[in-house]
C-alpha atoms as a PDB file:
ATOM      1  CA  UNK A   1     -92.371 -13.431 -20.759  1.00  0.00           C
ATOM      2  CA  UNK A   2     -89.824 -15.458 -18.824  1.00  0.00           C
ATOM      3  CA  UNK A   3     -86.813 -17.058 -20.383  1.00  0.00           C
ATOM      4  CA  UNK A   4     -85.857 -20.618 -19.510  1.00  0.00           C
ATOM      5  CA  UNK A   5     -82.225 -21.015 -18.596  1.00  0.00           C
ATOM      6  CA  UNK A   6     -80.561 -24.395 -18.571  1.00  0.00           C
ATOM      7  CA  UNK A   7     -78.641 -25.683 -15.567  1.00  0.00           C
ATOM      8  CA  UNK A   8     -75.490 -25.685 -17.670  1.00  0.00           C
ATOM      9  CA  UNK A   9     -75.948 -21.985 -18.467  1.00  0.00           C
ATOM     10  CA  UNK A  10     -76.369 -21.159 -14.780  1.00  0.00           C
ATOM     11  CA  UNK A  11     -73.254 -23.121 -13.822  1.00  0.00           C
ATOM     12  CA  UNK A  12     -71.281 -21.599 -16.681  1.00  0.00           C
ATOM     13  CA  UNK A  13     -72.294 -18.132 -15.541  1.00  0.00           C
ATOM     14  CA  UNK A  14     -71.066 -18.881 -12.008  1.00  0.00           C
ATOM     15  CA  UNK A  15     -67.857 -20.504 -13.223  1.00  0.00           C
ATOM     16  CA  UNK A  16     -67.044 -17.372 -15.240  1.00  0.00           C
ATOM     17  CA  UNK A  17     -67.107 -15.235 -12.095  1.00  0.00           C
ATOM     18  CA  UNK A  18     -63.930 -14.813 -10.105  1.00  0.00           C
ATOM     19  CA  UNK A  19     -65.858 -14.374  -6.861  1.00  0.00           C
ATOM     20  CA  UNK A  20     -68.772 -16.508  -5.754  1.00  0.00           C
ATOM     21  CA  UNK A  21     -71.972 -14.502  -6.307  1.00  0.00           C
ATOM     22  CA  UNK A  22     -73.277 -15.054  -2.777  1.00  0.00           C
ATOM     23  CA  UNK A  23     -70.166 -13.299  -1.432  1.00  0.00           C
ATOM     24  CA  UNK A  24     -71.582 -10.070  -2.911  1.00  0.00           C
ATOM     25  CA  UNK A  25     -74.556 -10.198  -0.533  1.00  0.00           C
ATOM     26  CA  UNK A  26     -74.876  -8.435   2.796  1.00  0.00           C
ATOM     27  CA  UNK A  27     -75.268 -10.671   5.844  1.00  0.00           C
ATOM     28  CA  UNK A  28     -79.031 -10.095   5.886  1.00  0.00           C
ATOM     29  CA  UNK A  29     -79.384 -10.727   2.135  1.00  0.00           C
ATOM     30  CA  UNK A  30     -77.410 -13.951   2.573  1.00  0.00           C
ATOM     31  CA  UNK A  31     -79.689 -15.017   5.424  1.00  0.00           C
ATOM     32  CA  UNK A  32     -82.791 -14.320   3.316  1.00  0.00           C
ATOM     33  CA  UNK A  33     -81.243 -16.125   0.326  1.00  0.00           C
ATOM     34  CA  UNK A  34     -80.728 -19.288   2.381  1.00  0.00           C
ATOM     35  CA  UNK A  35     -84.294 -19.208   3.671  1.00  0.00           C
ATOM     36  CA  UNK A  36     -85.675 -18.660   0.158  1.00  0.00           C
ATOM     37  CA  UNK A  37     -83.463 -21.475  -1.120  1.00  0.00           C
ATOM     38  CA  UNK A  38     -85.015 -23.783   1.473  1.00  0.00           C
ATOM     39  CA  UNK A  39     -88.462 -22.950   0.075  1.00  0.00           C
ATOM     40  CA  UNK A  40     -89.659 -20.931   3.052  1.00  0.00           C
ATOM     41  CA  UNK A  41     -92.472 -18.534   2.067  1.00  0.00           C
ATOM     42  CA  UNK A  42     -91.883 -14.768   2.231  1.00  0.00           C
ATOM     43  CA  UNK A  43     -94.474 -14.357   5.011  1.00  0.00           C
ATOM     44  CA  UNK A  44     -92.726 -16.960   7.170  1.00  0.00           C
ATOM     45  CA  UNK A  45     -89.301 -15.420   6.521  1.00  0.00           C
ATOM     46  CA  UNK A  46     -90.687 -12.041   7.569  1.00  0.00           C
ATOM     47  CA  UNK A  47     -92.053 -13.482  10.816  1.00  0.00           C
ATOM     48  CA  UNK A  48     -88.812 -15.340  11.563  1.00  0.00           C
ATOM     49  CA  UNK A  49     -86.618 -12.272  10.963  1.00  0.00           C
ATOM     50  CA  UNK A  50     -89.087  -9.797  12.516  1.00  0.00           C
ATOM     51  CA  UNK A  51     -89.337  -7.721   9.341  1.00  0.00           C
ATOM     52  CA  UNK A  52     -92.196  -7.012   6.951  1.00  0.00           C
ATOM     53  CA  UNK A  53     -92.967  -9.198   3.932  1.00  0.00           C
ATOM     54  CA  UNK A  54     -92.279  -6.128   1.762  1.00  0.00           C
ATOM     55  CA  UNK A  55     -88.775  -5.925   3.208  1.00  0.00           C
ATOM     56  CA  UNK A  56     -88.202  -9.616   2.454  1.00  0.00           C
ATOM     57  CA  UNK A  57     -89.340  -8.964  -1.118  1.00  0.00           C
ATOM     58  CA  UNK A  58     -86.889  -6.061  -1.360  1.00  0.00           C
ATOM     59  CA  UNK A  59     -84.057  -8.300  -0.157  1.00  0.00           C
ATOM     60  CA  UNK A  60     -85.135 -10.948  -2.682  1.00  0.00           C
ATOM     61  CA  UNK A  61     -85.000  -8.408  -5.518  1.00  0.00           C
ATOM     62  CA  UNK A  62     -81.503  -7.325  -4.448  1.00  0.00           C
ATOM     63  CA  UNK A  63     -80.358 -10.947  -4.218  1.00  0.00           C
ATOM     64  CA  UNK A  64     -81.644 -11.737  -7.704  1.00  0.00           C
ATOM     65  CA  UNK A  65     -79.980  -8.619  -9.124  1.00  0.00           C
ATOM     66  CA  UNK A  66     -76.620  -9.056  -7.397  1.00  0.00           C
ATOM     67  CA  UNK A  67     -76.414 -12.751  -8.271  1.00  0.00           C
ATOM     68  CA  UNK A  68     -77.841 -12.294 -11.788  1.00  0.00           C
ATOM     69  CA  UNK A  69     -80.636 -14.788 -11.167  1.00  0.00           C
ATOM     70  CA  UNK A  70     -84.293 -14.625 -12.107  1.00  0.00           C
ATOM     71  CA  UNK A  71     -86.246 -16.894  -9.738  1.00  0.00           C
ATOM     72  CA  UNK A  72     -86.360 -18.636  -6.387  1.00  0.00           C
ATOM     73  CA  UNK A  73     -85.728 -21.896  -8.235  1.00  0.00           C
ATOM     74  CA  UNK A  74     -82.400 -20.523  -9.486  1.00  0.00           C
ATOM     75  CA  UNK A  75     -81.555 -19.368  -5.947  1.00  0.00           C
ATOM     76  CA  UNK A  76     -82.249 -22.897  -4.685  1.00  0.00           C
ATOM     77  CA  UNK A  77     -80.250 -24.516  -7.469  1.00  0.00           C
ATOM     78  CA  UNK A  78     -77.296 -22.217  -6.799  1.00  0.00           C
ATOM     79  CA  UNK A  79     -77.424 -22.831  -3.045  1.00  0.00           C
ATOM     80  CA  UNK A  80     -77.500 -26.606  -3.473  1.00  0.00           C
ATOM     81  CA  UNK A  81     -74.727 -26.696  -6.100  1.00  0.00           C
ATOM     82  CA  UNK A  82     -72.591 -24.386  -3.961  1.00  0.00           C
ATOM     83  CA  UNK A  83     -73.060 -26.553  -0.880  1.00  0.00           C
ATOM     84  CA  UNK A  84     -74.825 -23.798   1.049  1.00  0.00           C
ATOM     85  CA  UNK A  85     -77.838 -26.012   1.827  1.00  0.00           C
ATOM     86  CA  UNK A  86     -78.525 -29.744   1.717  1.00  0.00           C
END
């Protein structure tokens, strides 16, 4: 069962952190995060980065854990609000 989190709760969570959550990511995780935030499917990310879809999914899981997020929608929201994507 998934829990709905309001935009205010997400922003509050980020504002409480001294370091921006995306700064915790490796370069490759950051690259995958930006592609996910743009809505690019896992299969297409894998082809673009010359890695397997399973590896993309592993990066996604690490991104969600490190940034304390629970979905691609939250990744996208964070990336837009942080000015990482348009």
